[in-house]
C-alpha atoms as a PDB file:
ATOM      1  CA  MET A   1     -21.105   4.060 -16.936  1.00  0.00           C
ATOM      2  CA  PRO A   2     -24.020   2.191 -15.256  1.00  0.00           C
ATOM      3  CA  LYS A   3     -25.683   3.751 -12.222  1.00  0.00           C
ATOM      4  CA  ALA A   4     -23.620   3.727  -9.043  1.00  0.00           C
ATOM      5  CA  PRO A   5     -24.606   0.916  -6.670  1.00  0.00           C
ATOM      6  CA  ARG A   6     -26.533   1.555  -3.481  1.00  0.00           C
ATOM      7  CA  THR A   7     -23.910   1.243  -0.799  1.00  0.00           C
ATOM      8  CA  ALA A   8     -23.864   0.367   2.895  1.00  0.00           C
ATOM      9  CA  LEU A   9     -21.160   1.088   5.454  1.00  0.00           C
ATOM     10  CA  ILE A  10     -20.119  -0.842   8.549  1.00  0.00           C
ATOM     11  CA  ALA A  11     -18.118   1.612  10.638  1.00  0.00           C
ATOM     12  CA  GLU A  12     -16.256   1.667  13.907  1.00  0.00           C
ATOM     13  CA  GLY A  13     -13.600   4.079  15.133  1.00  0.00           C
ATOM     14  CA  PRO A  14     -12.650   7.503  13.702  1.00  0.00           C
ATOM     15  CA  VAL A  15     -14.268   6.925  10.308  1.00  0.00           C
ATOM     16  CA  SER A  16     -15.081  10.602   9.854  1.00  0.00           C
ATOM     17  CA  ARG A  17     -11.344  11.379   9.785  1.00  0.00           C
ATOM     18  CA  SER A  18     -10.586   8.600   7.312  1.00  0.00           C
ATOM     19  CA  TRP A  19     -10.384   8.901   3.531  1.00  0.00           C
ATOM     20  CA  VAL A  20     -13.263   6.406   3.454  1.00  0.00           C
ATOM     21  CA  SER A  21     -15.716   9.152   4.466  1.00  0.00           C
ATOM     22  CA  ARG A  22     -14.518  11.193   1.467  1.00  0.00           C
ATOM     23  CA  LEU A  23     -14.594   8.336  -1.040  1.00  0.00           C
ATOM     24  CA  PRO A  24     -15.990   9.713  -4.320  1.00  0.00           C
ATOM     25  CA  GLY A  25     -19.612   8.741  -4.812  1.00  0.00           C
ATOM     26  CA  LEU A  26     -20.102   7.492  -1.260  1.00  0.00           C
ATOM     27  CA  ARG A  27     -22.130  10.343   0.227  1.00  0.00           C
ATOM     28  CA  LYS A  28     -24.515  10.434  -2.725  1.00  0.00           C
ATOM     29  CA  ASN A  29     -25.144   6.689  -2.702  1.00  0.00           C
ATOM     30  CA  LEU A  30     -24.771   5.706   0.952  1.00  0.00           C
ATOM     31  CA  GLY A  31     -27.806   4.000   2.452  1.00  0.00           C
ATOM     32  CA  PRO A  32     -27.713   2.098   5.758  1.00  0.00           C
ATOM     33  CA  LEU A  33     -24.840   2.711   8.155  1.00  0.00           C
ATOM     34  CA  LYS A  34     -24.155   0.077  10.809  1.00  0.00           C
ATOM     35  CA  GLY A  35     -22.115   0.755  13.946  1.00  0.00           C
ATOM     36  CA  LEU A  36     -21.471  -0.765  17.343  1.00  0.00           C
ATOM     37  CA  SER A  37     -24.860   0.628  18.321  1.00  0.00           C
ATOM     38  CA  LEU A  38     -27.626   2.642  16.692  1.00  0.00           C
ATOM     39  CA  ARG A  39     -26.373   5.673  18.612  1.00  0.00           C
ATOM     40  CA  ASN A  40     -22.827   5.264  17.310  1.00  0.00           C
ATOM     41  CA  ALA A  41     -24.102   4.784  13.770  1.00  0.00           C
ATOM     42  CA  SER A  42     -26.207   7.957  14.069  1.00  0.00           C
ATOM     43  CA  ARG A  43     -23.158   9.890  15.255  1.00  0.00           C
ATOM     44  CA  VAL A  44     -21.043   8.703  12.295  1.00  0.00           C
ATOM     45  CA  ALA A  45     -23.855   9.471   9.827  1.00  0.00           C
ATOM     46  CA  LYS A  46     -24.108  12.989  11.251  1.00  0.00           C
ATOM     47  CA  LEU A  47     -20.334  13.554  11.108  1.00  0.00           C
ATOM     48  CA  ILE A  48     -19.930  12.428   7.497  1.00  0.00           C
ATOM     49  CA  LYS A  49     -23.284  13.948   6.495  1.00  0.00           C
ATOM     50  CA  ALA A  50     -24.416  10.810   4.692  1.00  0.00           C
ATOM     51  CA  GLY A  51     -26.278   7.561   5.229  1.00  0.00           C
ATOM     52  CA  THR A  52     -28.980   6.451   7.642  1.00  0.00           C
ATOM     53  CA  ALA A  53     -28.189   4.740  10.920  1.00  0.00           C
ATOM     54  CA  SER A  54     -29.407   1.157  11.020  1.00  0.00           C
ATOM     55  CA  ASP A  55     -29.195  -1.767  13.417  1.00  0.00           C
ATOM     56  CA  SER A  56     -30.495  -4.294  10.879  1.00  0.00           C
ATOM     57  CA  TYR A  57     -28.263  -6.481   8.742  1.00  0.00           C
ATOM     58  CA  ASP A  58     -31.298  -7.151   6.547  1.00  0.00           C
ATOM     59  CA  GLU A  59     -31.106  -3.491   5.473  1.00  0.00           C
ATOM     60  CA  LEU A  60     -27.460  -3.959   4.483  1.00  0.00           C
ATOM     61  CA  LYS A  61     -28.392  -7.015   2.427  1.00  0.00           C
ATOM     62  CA  LYS A  62     -30.482  -4.765   0.160  1.00  0.00           C
ATOM     63  CA  CYS A  63     -27.301  -2.965  -0.972  1.00  0.00           C
ATOM     64  CA  GLU A  64     -25.041  -4.150  -3.801  1.00  0.00           C
ATOM     65  CA  LEU A  65     -21.905  -2.940  -2.065  1.00  0.00           C
ATOM     66  CA  ILE A  66     -21.035  -3.082   1.640  1.00  0.00           C
ATOM     67  CA  LEU A  67     -17.946  -1.239   2.842  1.00  0.00           C
ATOM     68  CA  ILE A  68     -16.265  -2.310   6.084  1.00  0.00           C
ATOM     69  CA  CYS A  69     -14.204   0.314   7.879  1.00  0.00           C
ATOM     70  CA  VAL A  70     -13.255  -0.935  11.338  1.00  0.00           C
ATOM     71  CA  PRO A  71      -9.968  -1.215  13.275  1.00  0.00           C
ATOM     72  CA  ASP A  72      -8.018  -4.331  12.281  1.00  0.00           C
ATOM     73  CA  SER A  73      -8.030  -5.465  15.906  1.00  0.00           C
ATOM     74  CA  GLN A  74     -11.849  -5.567  15.821  1.00  0.00           C
ATOM     75  CA  LEU A  75     -12.303  -7.124  12.387  1.00  0.00           C
ATOM     76  CA  THR A  76     -12.586 -10.751  13.518  1.00  0.00           C
ATOM     77  CA  SER A  77     -15.403 -10.011  15.970  1.00  0.00           C
ATOM     78  CA  TRP A  78     -17.258  -8.017  13.314  1.00  0.00           C
ATOM     79  CA  LEU A  79     -16.928 -10.808  10.755  1.00  0.00           C
ATOM     80  CA  GLU A  80     -18.191 -13.368  13.243  1.00  0.00           C
ATOM     81  CA  GLU A  81     -21.194 -11.168  13.996  1.00  0.00           C
ATOM     82  CA  ILE A  82     -21.934 -10.635  10.294  1.00  0.00           C
ATOM     83  CA  ALA A  83     -21.629 -14.360   9.617  1.00  0.00           C
ATOM     84  CA  SER A  84     -23.929 -15.343  12.486  1.00  0.00           C
ATOM     85  CA  CYS A  85     -26.615 -12.648  12.078  1.00  0.00           C
ATOM     86  CA  GLY A  86     -28.950 -14.964  10.155  1.00  0.00           C
ATOM     87  CA  THR A  87     -28.758 -13.034   6.870  1.00  0.00           C
ATOM     88  CA  ALA A  88     -27.742 -14.886   3.706  1.00  0.00           C
ATOM     89  CA  TRP A  89     -24.844 -13.048   2.075  1.00  0.00           C
ATOM     90  CA  THR A  90     -24.800 -14.910  -1.240  1.00  0.00           C
ATOM     91  CA  ASN A  91     -23.674 -12.534  -4.005  1.00  0.00           C
ATOM     92  CA  SER A  92     -23.280  -9.586  -1.618  1.00  0.00           C
ATOM     93  CA  SER A  93     -20.089  -7.584  -2.217  1.00  0.00           C
ATOM     94  CA  PHE A  94     -17.998  -6.695   0.830  1.00  0.00           C
ATOM     95  CA  VAL A  95     -15.003  -4.352   0.641  1.00  0.00           C
ATOM     96  CA  LEU A  96     -12.529  -4.021   3.497  1.00  0.00           C
ATOM     97  CA  CYS A  97     -11.342  -0.389   3.551  1.00  0.00           C
ATOM     98  CA  ALA A  98      -8.299   1.339   5.064  1.00  0.00           C
ATOM     99  CA  SER A  99      -6.939  -1.893   6.504  1.00  0.00           C
ATOM    100  CA  ALA A 100      -3.431  -3.319   6.697  1.00  0.00           C
ATOM    101  CA  MET A 101      -4.955  -6.600   5.504  1.00  0.00           C
ATOM    102  CA  GLY A 102      -6.042  -7.622   2.035  1.00  0.00           C
ATOM    103  CA  SER A 103      -9.166  -9.314   0.731  1.00  0.00           C
ATOM    104  CA  GLY A 104      -8.066 -12.632   2.236  1.00  0.00           C
ATOM    105  CA  ALA A 105      -9.086 -11.280   5.647  1.00  0.00           C
ATOM    106  CA  LEU A 106     -12.725 -11.618   4.535  1.00  0.00           C
ATOM    107  CA  LYS A 107     -12.388 -15.368   3.938  1.00  0.00           C
ATOM    108  CA  LEU A 108     -15.225 -16.159   6.361  1.00  0.00           C
ATOM    109  CA  LEU A 109     -17.713 -14.105   4.330  1.00  0.00           C
ATOM    110  CA  ARG A 110     -16.454 -15.537   1.043  1.00  0.00           C
ATOM    111  CA  GLU A 111     -17.045 -19.053   2.360  1.00  0.00           C
ATOM    112  CA  MET A 112     -20.672 -18.002   2.919  1.00  0.00           C
ATOM    113  CA  GLY A 113     -21.081 -17.066  -0.746  1.00  0.00           C
ATOM    114  CA  ALA A 114     -20.245 -13.352  -0.560  1.00  0.00           C
ATOM    115  CA  HIS A 115     -17.875 -11.628  -2.959  1.00  0.00           C
ATOM    116  CA  THR A 116     -14.956  -9.886  -1.307  1.00  0.00           C
ATOM    117  CA  GLY A 117     -12.283  -7.271  -1.887  1.00  0.00           C
ATOM    118  CA  SER A 118     -10.143  -4.662  -0.172  1.00  0.00           C
ATOM    119  CA  LEU A 119      -9.476  -1.009  -0.943  1.00  0.00           C
ATOM    120  CA  ILE A 120      -6.721   1.386   0.108  1.00  0.00           C
ATOM    121  CA  GLU A 121      -5.927   4.958  -0.834  1.00  0.00           C
ATOM    122  CA  MET A 122      -2.694   5.398  -2.793  1.00  0.00           C
ATOM    123  CA  ASP A 123      -0.416   8.055  -1.321  1.00  0.00           C
ATOM    124  CA  GLY A 124       0.652  10.954  -3.506  1.00  0.00           C
ATOM    125  CA  PHE A 125      -2.424  11.174  -5.739  1.00  0.00           C
ATOM    126  CA  GLY A 126      -4.492  13.742  -3.863  1.00  0.00           C
ATOM    127  CA  GLY A 127      -7.189  11.280  -2.844  1.00  0.00           C
ATOM    128  CA  ASN A 128      -7.993  10.361  -6.464  1.00  0.00           C
ATOM    129  CA  ARG A 129      -6.321   6.956  -6.779  1.00  0.00           C
ATOM    130  CA  PHE A 130      -7.389   3.816  -4.944  1.00  0.00           C
ATOM    131  CA  LEU A 131      -5.918   0.331  -5.086  1.00  0.00           C
ATOM    132  CA  PHE A 132      -8.158  -2.744  -5.118  1.00  0.00           C
ATOM    133  CA  ASP A 133      -7.479  -6.389  -4.318  1.00  0.00           C
ATOM    134  CA  GLY A 134     -10.233  -8.969  -4.760  1.00  0.00           C
ATOM    135  CA  GLU A 135     -12.870 -10.414  -7.044  1.00  0.00           C
ATOM    136  CA  LYS A 136     -13.781  -8.829 -10.368  1.00  0.00           C
ATOM    137  CA  VAL A 137     -17.498  -8.526  -9.605  1.00  0.00           C
ATOM    138  CA  VAL A 138     -16.645  -6.411  -6.547  1.00  0.00           C
ATOM    139  CA  LEU A 139     -14.229  -4.310  -8.601  1.00  0.00           C
ATOM    140  CA  GLN A 140     -16.933  -3.585 -11.169  1.00  0.00           C
ATOM    141  CA  ARG A 141     -19.388  -2.409  -8.512  1.00  0.00           C
ATOM    142  CA  LEU A 142     -16.729  -0.360  -6.759  1.00  0.00           C
ATOM    143  CA  ARG A 143     -15.722   1.372  -9.979  1.00  0.00           C
ATOM    144  CA  ARG A 144     -19.335   2.298 -10.648  1.00  0.00           C
ATOM    145  CA  LEU A 145     -19.382   4.015  -7.259  1.00  0.00           C
ATOM    146  CA  VAL A 146     -15.973   5.715  -7.225  1.00  0.00           C
ATOM    147  CA  GLU A 147     -15.451   6.585 -10.890  1.00  0.00           C
ATOM    148  CA  ALA A 148     -18.946   7.893 -11.677  1.00  0.00           C
ATOM    149  CA  GLU A 149     -17.912  11.521 -11.189  1.00  0.00           C
ATOM    150  CA  GLY A 150     -14.802  11.121 -13.330  1.00  0.00           C
ATOM    151  CA  SER A 151     -12.392  12.525 -10.750  1.00  0.00           C
ATOM    152  CA  ALA A 152     -11.005   9.292  -9.324  1.00  0.00           C
ATOM    153  CA  ARG A 153      -9.856   5.856 -10.430  1.00  0.00           C
ATOM    154  CA  VAL A 154      -9.768   2.416  -8.865  1.00  0.00           C
ATOM    155  CA  LEU A 155      -6.702   0.439  -9.925  1.00  0.00           C
ATOM    156  CA  ALA A 156      -6.567  -3.317  -9.495  1.00  0.00           C
ATOM    157  CA  MET A 157      -3.731  -5.622  -8.502  1.00  0.00           C
ATOM    158  CA  ASN A 158      -3.800  -9.403  -8.819  1.00  0.00           C
ATOM    159  CA  GLU A 159      -6.061 -10.970  -6.242  1.00  0.00           C
ATOM    160  CA  GLY A 160      -4.300 -11.949  -3.031  1.00  0.00           C
ATOM    161  CA  MET A 161      -1.206  -9.885  -3.827  1.00  0.00           C
ATOM    162  CA  ARG A 162      -1.689  -7.122  -1.245  1.00  0.00           C
ATOM    163  CA  SER A 163       1.340  -8.195   0.796  1.00  0.00           C
ATOM    164  CA  VAL A 164       3.489  -8.250  -2.344  1.00  0.00           C
ATOM    165  CA  TYR A 165       2.384  -4.669  -3.106  1.00  0.00           C
ATOM    166  CA  ASP A 166       3.182  -3.700   0.488  1.00  0.00           C
ATOM    167  CA  ALA A 167       6.655  -5.208   0.018  1.00  0.00           C
ATOM    168  CA  GLY A 168       7.076  -2.852  -2.937  1.00  0.00           C
ATOM    169  CA  LEU A 169       6.231   0.091  -0.686  1.00  0.00           C
ATOM    170  CA  THR A 170       8.782  -1.145   1.830  1.00  0.00           C
ATOM    171  CA  PHE A 171      11.400  -1.242  -0.931  1.00  0.00           C
ATOM    172  CA  ALA A 172      10.405   2.256  -2.039  1.00  0.00           C
ATOM    173  CA  ALA A 173      10.216   3.939   1.357  1.00  0.00           C
ATOM    174  CA  GLY A 174      11.037   1.708   4.302  1.00  0.00           C
ATOM    175  CA  MET A 175      14.333   0.458   2.865  1.00  0.00           C
ATOM    176  CA  THR A 176      15.198   3.650   1.018  1.00  0.00           C
ATOM    177  CA  PHE A 177      14.844   5.828   4.122  1.00  0.00           C
ATOM    178  CA  PRO A 178      17.865   4.450   6.035  1.00  0.00           C
ATOM    179  CA  MET A 179      19.934   4.579   2.843  1.00  0.00           C
ATOM    180  CA  ILE A 180      19.043   8.251   2.364  1.00  0.00           C
ATOM    181  CA  ALA A 181      19.939   8.913   5.995  1.00  0.00           C
ATOM    182  CA  ALA A 182      23.268   7.101   5.507  1.00  0.00           C
ATOM    183  CA  ALA A 183      23.984   9.147   2.369  1.00  0.00           C
ATOM    184  CA  VAL A 184      23.417  12.390   4.280  1.00  0.00           C
ATOM    185  CA  ASP A 185      25.588  11.147   7.171  1.00  0.00           C
ATOM    186  CA  ALA A 186      28.402  10.268   4.751  1.00  0.00           C
ATOM    187  CA  MET A 187      28.303  13.712   3.168  1.00  0.00           C
ATOM    188  CA  ARG A 188      28.293  15.344   6.587  1.00  0.00           C
ATOM    189  CA  ALA A 189      31.307  13.187   7.508  1.00  0.00           C
ATOM    190  CA  ALA A 190      32.969  14.722   4.453  1.00  0.00           C
ATOM    191  CA  GLY A 191      32.436  18.150   6.019  1.00  0.00           C
ATOM    192  CA  LEU A 192      29.288  19.389   4.275  1.00  0.00           C
ATOM    193  CA  HIS A 193      26.688  21.382   6.185  1.00  0.00           C
ATOM    194  CA  ALA A 194      23.534  19.352   6.933  1.00  0.00           C
ATOM    195  CA  LYS A 195      21.325  21.405   4.598  1.00  0.00           C
ATOM    196  CA  ILE A 196      23.830  21.156   1.741  1.00  0.00           C
ATOM    197  CA  ALA A 197      24.176  17.403   2.275  1.00  0.00           C
ATOM    198  CA  GLU A 198      20.402  16.952   2.288  1.00  0.00           C
ATOM    199  CA  SER A 199      20.025  18.977  -0.915  1.00  0.00           C
ATOM    200  CA  ALA A 200      22.762  16.971  -2.637  1.00  0.00           C
ATOM    201  CA  VAL A 201      21.166  13.668  -1.617  1.00  0.00           C
ATOM    202  CA  GLU A 202      17.727  14.862  -2.708  1.00  0.00           C
ATOM    203  CA  ALA A 203      19.084  15.777  -6.141  1.00  0.00           C
ATOM    204  CA  ALA A 204      20.845  12.413  -6.461  1.00  0.00           C
ATOM    205  CA  VAL A 205      17.766  10.426  -5.404  1.00  0.00           C
ATOM    206  CA  MET A 206      15.408  12.332  -7.688  1.00  0.00           C
ATOM    207  CA  GLY A 207      17.905  11.979 -10.534  1.00  0.00           C
ATOM    208  CA  ALA A 208      17.946   8.210 -10.023  1.00  0.00           C
ATOM    209  CA  VAL A 209      14.134   8.108 -10.027  1.00  0.00           C
ATOM    210  CA  ARG A 210      13.983  10.099 -13.269  1.00  0.00           C
ATOM    211  CA  SER A 211      16.616   7.860 -14.885  1.00  0.00           C
ATOM    212  CA  TYR A 212      14.638   4.761 -13.963  1.00  0.00           C
ATOM    213  CA  LEU A 213      11.366   6.206 -15.269  1.00  0.00           C
ATOM    214  CA  ARG A 214      13.035   7.142 -18.562  1.00  0.00           C
ATOM    215  CA  ALA A 215      15.134   4.056 -19.180  1.00  0.00           C
ATOM    216  CA  GLY A 216      14.254   1.398 -16.610  1.00  0.00           C
ATOM    217  CA  LYS A 217      17.186  -0.630 -15.308  1.00  0.00           C
ATOM    218  CA  ARG A 218      19.272   0.594 -18.233  1.00  0.00           C
ATOM    219  CA  GLY A 219      19.313   4.004 -16.565  1.00  0.00           C
ATOM    220  CA  TRP A 220      21.312   2.681 -13.607  1.00  0.00           C
ATOM    221  CA  ASN A 221      24.840   4.047 -13.419  1.00  0.00           C
ATOM    222  CA  GLY A 222      27.665   4.492 -10.936  1.00  0.00           C
ATOM    223  CA  PRO A 223      30.395   2.132  -9.679  1.00  0.00           C
ATOM    224  CA  ILE A 224      28.040  -0.702  -8.671  1.00  0.00           C
ATOM    225  CA  ALA A 225      26.245  -0.694 -12.027  1.00  0.00           C
ATOM    226  CA  LYS A 226      29.634  -0.588 -13.782  1.00  0.00           C
ATOM    227  CA  VAL A 227      31.101  -3.222 -11.436  1.00  0.00           C
ATOM    228  CA  ASP A 228      33.965  -0.817 -10.722  1.00  0.00           C
ATOM    229  CA  ARG A 229      35.540  -2.593  -7.754  1.00  0.00           C
ATOM    230  CA  LEU A 230      38.514  -0.215  -7.688  1.00  0.00           C
ATOM    231  CA  GLU A 231      36.250   2.811  -7.155  1.00  0.00           C
ATOM    232  CA  LEU A 232      34.081   0.977  -4.657  1.00  0.00           C
ATOM    233  CA  ARG A 233      37.180  -0.043  -2.673  1.00  0.00           C
ATOM    234  CA  ARG A 234      38.448   3.540  -2.692  1.00  0.00           C
ATOM    235  CA  GLN A 235      35.120   4.874  -1.394  1.00  0.00           C
ATOM    236  CA  TYR A 236      34.815   2.157   1.237  1.00  0.00           C
ATOM    237  CA  GLN A 237      38.321   2.657   2.619  1.00  0.00           C
ATOM    238  CA  ALA A 238      37.878   6.439   2.802  1.00  0.00           C
ATOM    239  CA  LEU A 239      34.515   6.077   4.545  1.00  0.00           C
ATOM    240  CA  PHE A 240      35.902   3.490   6.969  1.00  0.00           C
ATOM    241  CA  LYS A 241      38.464   6.013   8.217  1.00  0.00           C
ATOM    242  CA  ARG A 242      35.668   8.475   9.043  1.00  0.00           C
ATOM    243  CA  ASP A 243      32.816   6.214  10.216  1.00  0.00           C
ATOM    244  CA  GLU A 244      33.195   2.447  10.579  1.00  0.00           C
ATOM    245  CA  VAL A 245      29.447   1.847  11.024  1.00  0.00           C
ATOM    246  CA  LEU A 246      28.591   3.674   7.795  1.00  0.00           C
ATOM    247  CA  ALA A 247      31.433   1.901   6.020  1.00  0.00           C
ATOM    248  CA  GLU A 248      30.147  -1.534   7.028  1.00  0.00           C
ATOM    249  CA  MET A 249      26.649  -0.609   5.847  1.00  0.00           C
ATOM    250  CA  TYR A 250      28.166   0.568   2.538  1.00  0.00           C
ATOM    251  CA  LEU A 251      30.119  -2.689   2.173  1.00  0.00           C
ATOM    252  CA  LYS A 252      27.111  -4.912   2.840  1.00  0.00           C
ATOM    253  CA  ILE A 253      24.808  -3.085   0.425  1.00  0.00           C
ATOM    254  CA  ALA A 254      27.443  -2.824  -2.297  1.00  0.00           C
ATOM    255  CA  VAL A 255      28.388  -6.506  -2.113  1.00  0.00           C
ATOM    256  CA  ASP A 256      24.725  -7.580  -2.064  1.00  0.00           C
ATOM    257  CA  TYR A 257      24.072  -5.546  -5.207  1.00  0.00           C
ATOM    258  CA  LEU A 258      27.183  -6.923  -6.880  1.00  0.00           C
ATOM    259  CA  VAL A 259      26.070 -10.477  -6.137  1.00  0.00           C
ATOM    260  CA  GLU A 260      22.635  -9.732  -7.607  1.00  0.00           C
ATOM    261  CA  THR A 261      24.019  -7.905 -10.643  1.00  0.00           C
ATOM    262  CA  VAL A 262      27.114  -9.915 -11.553  1.00  0.00           C
ATOM    263  CA  ASP A 263      26.819 -13.330 -10.013  1.00  0.00           C
ATOM    264  CA  LYS A 264      23.423 -14.612 -11.148  1.00  0.00           C
ATOM    265  CA  PRO A 265      23.508 -18.372 -11.765  1.00  0.00           C
ATOM    266  CA  ARG A 266      23.560 -19.567 -15.324  1.00  0.00           C
ATOM    267  CA  VAL A 267      20.727 -21.745 -16.618  1.00  0.00           C
ATOM    268  CA  GLY A 268      21.129 -25.287 -15.348  1.00  0.00           C
ATOM    269  CA  LEU A 269      23.143 -24.328 -12.266  1.00  0.00           C
ATOM    270  CA  ASN A 270      21.534 -24.524  -8.835  1.00  0.00           C
ATOM    271  CA  LYS A 271      24.297 -22.901  -6.841  1.00  0.00           C
ATOM    272  CA  LYS A 272      25.716 -19.395  -7.038  1.00  0.00           C
ATOM    273  CA  LYS A 273      29.428 -18.795  -6.963  1.00  0.00           C
ATOM    274  CA  THR A 274      30.718 -16.791  -4.043  1.00  0.00           C
ATOM    275  CA  LEU A 275      31.619 -13.274  -5.109  1.00  0.00           C
ATOM    276  CA  ALA A 276      34.697 -11.873  -3.410  1.00  0.00           C
ATOM    277  CA  PRO A 277      34.269  -8.484  -1.742  1.00  0.00           C
ATOM    278  CA  PHE A 278      35.727  -5.627  -3.675  1.00  0.00           C
END
C-alpha cells in the first residue's frame, strides 16, 4: 500500500474522547491541528499526543487529507470560515468525522473544488471498521491512512446514501427495540418471570438473526410467513384479553407484514387490493 497521507485535523469539542483520536494511522501521520484558537488546538494536541497546533489554513493546505471533527451545530460556521480564509482548496480532501450528517454537508467546500467525504465508526467491530460516504479519491487517501497497519478497514457505501444507511440502523435497532419490549411484555402477561421472558425473547431474536444470515428471507418462518390467519387470530384474541394495547400493536404489525408479504401488486397494476384483517 502507498505511504499514508500527511493528515490535518480541524477539531472542536471533546475530540480526545472520540474514536477519531484513536483512528488507526492518525497519530503517526497527523500534522497541523486547527482549533477555535491556538490554545485550544495545543490542548487537543497534548491530549491526543499527536499533531502540532496551528492557526494557519495554509498549513492545512499542505496536507492531502483534512479531517473535520466538530459538533454538528458548529459545522456551518466552520465551513464558512474555511471557505472564506483565502486558501484555495482545489483537490484538497476533506472528511467529516463522527457526524450525524453525510458528505453532502460539505457541499460548500466541494463547490470550491475540494473533494469531500464522511466517516463514521461502525458499532460492534471493536473500533476496526469504519464506514465511508463520498468521493473515490477521498476514499483512496483515507484507506492509505487507516488500513496501513492492517488492523482496520474502511468500507464504502454509495455516495450520498448516508441517510439510507441510517434508516437501516433504525430498522435494525430503533424499530426492533419496541418490538422486543412488546415480546417481553406479552410473555410476562402470560405469567413468566421477567428474566425468563427476556431469555426466551433473546433466544428467539438471535435464532431469527441466524436464520436470516443462513438462508436470507427464505429462513423466515412462523404464522406471518406462512400466512396462517387462524393462528394469528388465536394469538391476537388471547393477547387482547390480557392487554389491549399490546394486542393492537400485534394486530397492526401483523397486518402490515401480511400486506407486504401477500398482497404485492402484480405487474401492470397500480393499486393494491385491500387485505382483510385476519
